[in-house]
Amino acid sequence: MSNQQVRKFTVVSVLGAISFALMIFPQFSFIPGANFLKIDFSIVPAVLALAWLGLSGAVWVLALRTLLKIILFNEGVNTYLGLPVNLAVSLIFILILAAFKTEKGGWLRAVLPALSATAAMTVVALLVNYFVAVPLYADFANFDIKKFIGLKAYLWGMVLPFNLVEGLLWSLVSYFVVLLLKPFKQIF
């Protein structure tokens, strides 16, 4: 294994561990009645990996943080059902950012990818919730959101605004972290 490969592996490992820690703290919910929808900033190290190491590095960071969550901080049914939704949303966010990745431009060039990634992750969240998460939670966790508040109210009143805000926060925080740590990119 070359020095460059060892360095990349080390950076992915460190960013994956930081991403895992950020899944746990800080988290907050802001939608009344949906305290299970919590914003975390575990995507930021993956975006940093995207900027420094490319798409494969970012995907490995997400994979590592997800595996660590399952092994070290498993919350049972909530982890097994909620984590795949989180992973799908995070992956689409990273993939859209990667599609727009460029070395040139300033903050204006960051706006279109951020808005596109936020829109795409919101659509994916709506679809995954509708087709996968809601039915599985009803079957395996005895939590039928359709009976509790109604599917329309949940998707349009909770999932949609939550993911729009989360995507914009992820974009903003990630942009400034990548900008602040840009001098370290040359090391990798």
Protein backbone atom coordinates (compact mmCIF):
# COMPACT_ATOMS: atom_id res chain seq x y z
CA MET A 1 0.00 0.00 0.00
CA SER A 2 1.44 3.37 -1.01
CA ASN A 3 1.74 6.39 1.27
CA GLN A 4 -1.05 8.10 -0.67
CA GLN A 5 -3.39 5.15 -0.12
CA VAL A 6 -2.56 5.00 3.59
CA ARG A 7 -3.18 8.73 3.88
CA LYS A 8 -6.54 8.45 2.09
CA PHE A 9 -7.56 5.46 4.22
CA THR A 10 -6.61 7.37 7.39
CA VAL A 11 -8.54 10.49 6.36
CA VAL A 12 -11.63 8.42 5.49
CA SER A 13 -11.39 6.64 8.86
CA VAL A 14 -11.06 9.86 10.84
CA LEU A 15 -13.84 11.61 8.91
CA GLY A 16 -16.05 8.52 9.27
CA ALA A 17 -15.52 8.53 13.04
CA ILE A 18 -16.27 12.27 13.24
CA SER A 19 -19.36 11.73 11.10
CA PHE A 20 -20.55 8.98 13.46
CA ALA A 21 -20.04 11.28 16.47
CA LEU A 22 -22.01 14.02 14.71
CA MET A 23 -24.91 11.59 14.20
CA ILE A 24 -25.29 11.44 17.96
CA PHE A 25 -24.50 14.99 19.05
CA PRO A 26 -25.58 17.65 18.32
CA GLN A 27 -29.04 16.76 17.07
CA PHE A 28 -32.21 18.77 17.28
CA SER A 29 -35.77 18.59 16.07
CA PHE A 30 -37.79 21.65 15.18
CA ILE A 31 -41.11 20.31 13.94
CA PRO A 32 -43.74 20.04 16.68
CA GLY A 33 -45.02 16.51 17.07
CA ALA A 34 -42.13 15.04 15.06
CA ASN A 35 -39.33 14.81 17.59
CA PHE A 36 -38.15 11.66 15.76
CA LEU A 37 -37.11 13.86 12.82
CA LYS A 38 -33.78 15.15 14.07
CA ILE A 39 -31.24 17.20 12.21
CA ASP A 40 -27.66 16.08 12.65
CA PHE A 41 -24.52 17.25 10.92
CA SER A 42 -22.96 13.89 10.11
CA ILE A 43 -23.01 14.82 6.42
CA VAL A 44 -20.39 17.56 6.89
CA PRO A 45 -17.38 15.19 7.11
CA ALA A 46 -18.69 13.38 4.02
CA VAL A 47 -18.86 16.68 2.11
CA LEU A 48 -15.33 17.43 3.29
CA ALA A 49 -14.26 14.00 2.01
CA LEU A 50 -15.95 14.82 -1.30
CA ALA A 51 -13.97 18.05 -1.56
CA TRP A 52 -10.66 16.45 -0.56
CA LEU A 53 -10.84 12.87 -1.81
CA GLY A 54 -13.65 12.72 -4.34
CA LEU A 55 -16.89 10.78 -4.48
CA SER A 56 -15.48 7.43 -3.36
CA GLY A 57 -14.03 9.00 -0.21
CA ALA A 58 -17.36 10.60 0.63
CA VAL A 59 -19.27 7.36 0.11
CA TRP A 60 -16.80 5.47 2.31
CA VAL A 61 -17.25 8.08 5.06
CA LEU A 62 -21.03 7.58 4.91
CA ALA A 63 -20.63 3.80 4.90
CA LEU A 64 -18.28 3.86 7.89
CA ARG A 65 -20.46 6.20 9.95
CA THR A 66 -23.51 4.03 9.18
CA LEU A 67 -21.71 0.85 10.19
CA LEU A 68 -20.45 2.47 13.41
CA LYS A 69 -23.99 3.61 14.23
CA ILE A 70 -25.33 0.07 13.81
CA ILE A 71 -22.55 -1.48 15.90
CA LEU A 72 -22.00 1.11 18.63
CA PHE A 73 -25.21 3.10 19.04
CA ASN A 74 -27.97 0.83 17.88
CA GLU A 75 -31.46 1.87 18.99
CA GLY A 76 -33.22 -1.25 17.71
CA VAL A 77 -36.11 -0.84 15.30
CA ASN A 78 -35.54 2.91 15.01
CA THR A 79 -31.98 2.32 13.81
CA TYR A 80 -32.86 -0.52 11.44
CA LEU A 81 -35.70 1.42 9.84
CA GLY A 82 -34.54 5.03 10.14
CA LEU A 83 -30.90 4.57 9.20
CA PRO A 84 -31.58 3.34 5.64
CA VAL A 85 -33.74 6.43 5.04
CA ASN A 86 -30.97 8.63 6.41
CA LEU A 87 -28.39 6.84 4.26
CA ALA A 88 -30.49 7.20 1.09
CA VAL A 89 -31.01 10.91 1.73
CA SER A 90 -27.32 11.45 2.56
CA LEU A 91 -26.13 9.54 -0.51
CA ILE A 92 -28.34 11.49 -2.90
CA PHE A 93 -27.17 14.74 -1.30
CA ILE A 94 -23.52 13.74 -1.85
CA LEU A 95 -24.16 12.43 -5.38
CA ILE A 96 -25.78 15.68 -6.48
CA LEU A 97 -22.97 17.74 -4.97
CA ALA A 98 -20.46 15.49 -6.74
CA ALA A 99 -22.23 16.00 -10.06
CA PHE A 100 -21.76 19.76 -9.69
CA LYS A 101 -18.25 19.60 -8.21
CA THR A 102 -15.86 22.17 -9.60
CA GLU A 103 -12.69 23.78 -8.36
CA LYS A 104 -13.61 27.19 -9.78
CA GLY A 105 -16.05 29.76 -8.55
CA GLY A 106 -17.02 31.18 -5.24
CA TRP A 107 -20.10 31.00 -3.14
CA LEU A 108 -22.37 31.64 -6.17
CA ARG A 109 -21.21 28.38 -7.73
CA ALA A 110 -22.12 26.67 -4.47
CA VAL A 111 -25.75 27.83 -4.54
CA LEU A 112 -26.99 25.74 -7.49
CA PRO A 113 -25.47 22.47 -6.18
CA ALA A 114 -26.79 23.20 -2.68
CA LEU A 115 -30.31 23.92 -3.90
CA SER A 116 -30.25 20.93 -6.27
CA ALA A 117 -28.95 18.58 -3.57
CA THR A 118 -31.57 19.86 -1.12
CA ALA A 119 -34.38 19.41 -3.65
CA ALA A 120 -33.19 15.92 -4.62
CA MET A 121 -32.80 14.74 -1.03
CA THR A 122 -36.28 16.05 -0.22
CA VAL A 123 -37.82 14.15 -3.13
CA VAL A 124 -35.95 10.98 -2.11
CA ALA A 125 -37.05 11.42 1.51
CA LEU A 126 -40.69 11.77 0.44
CA LEU A 127 -40.51 8.71 -1.80
CA VAL A 128 -38.63 6.51 0.68
CA ASN A 129 -40.98 7.51 3.48
CA TYR A 130 -44.07 6.87 1.36
CA PHE A 131 -43.02 3.54 -0.12
CA VAL A 132 -40.70 2.08 2.53
CA ALA A 133 -40.44 3.75 5.94
CA VAL A 134 -44.10 4.38 6.73
CA PRO A 135 -45.22 0.81 5.86
CA LEU A 136 -42.26 -0.75 7.70
CA TYR A 137 -42.78 1.36 10.83
CA ALA A 138 -46.45 0.31 10.82
CA ASP A 139 -45.55 -3.37 10.48
CA PHE A 140 -42.47 -3.66 12.69
CA ALA A 141 -42.68 -0.81 15.20
CA ASN A 142 -46.46 -0.69 15.61
CA PHE A 143 -46.36 2.99 14.71
CA ASP A 144 -48.80 3.73 11.92
CA ILE A 145 -48.39 7.39 11.03
CA LYS A 146 -51.44 7.11 8.76
CA LYS A 147 -53.66 6.50 11.78
CA PHE A 148 -51.77 8.87 14.07
CA ILE A 149 -51.80 12.10 12.00
CA GLY A 150 -52.44 11.01 8.44
CA LEU A 151 -50.03 10.30 5.62
CA LYS A 152 -50.55 13.60 3.81
CA ALA A 153 -50.02 15.64 6.97
CA TYR A 154 -46.88 13.66 7.76
CA LEU A 155 -45.31 13.87 4.31
CA TRP A 156 -46.22 17.46 3.42
CA GLY A 157 -46.29 18.96 6.91
CA MET A 158 -43.29 17.21 8.43
CA VAL A 159 -41.04 15.35 5.97
CA LEU A 160 -41.05 18.08 3.32
CA PRO A 161 -40.19 21.08 5.54
CA PHE A 162 -37.78 19.00 7.64
CA ASN A 163 -35.73 17.92 4.63
CA LEU A 164 -35.75 21.36 3.02
CA VAL A 165 -34.41 22.94 6.21
CA GLU A 166 -31.97 20.07 6.80
CA GLY A 167 -30.60 20.30 3.26
CA LEU A 168 -30.11 24.04 3.48
CA LEU A 169 -28.41 23.74 6.88
CA TRP A 170 -26.19 20.92 5.63
CA SER A 171 -25.24 23.03 2.61
CA LEU A 172 -24.48 26.14 4.59
CA VAL A 173 -22.45 24.44 7.33
CA SER A 174 -20.61 22.22 4.83
CA TYR A 175 -19.74 25.18 2.63
CA PHE A 176 -18.11 27.06 5.49
CA VAL A 177 -16.31 23.99 6.87
CA VAL A 178 -14.87 23.15 3.44
CA LEU A 179 -13.91 26.79 2.94
CA LEU A 180 -12.23 27.05 6.34
CA LEU A 181 -10.34 23.78 5.93
CA LYS A 182 -9.36 24.38 2.29
CA PRO A 183 -5.68 24.98 3.17
CA PHE A 184 -5.45 21.40 4.45
CA LYS A 185 -6.63 19.92 1.14
CA GLN A 186 -3.14 20.09 -0.35
CA ILE A 187 -1.97 17.59 2.25
CA PHE A 188 -4.21 14.96 0.68
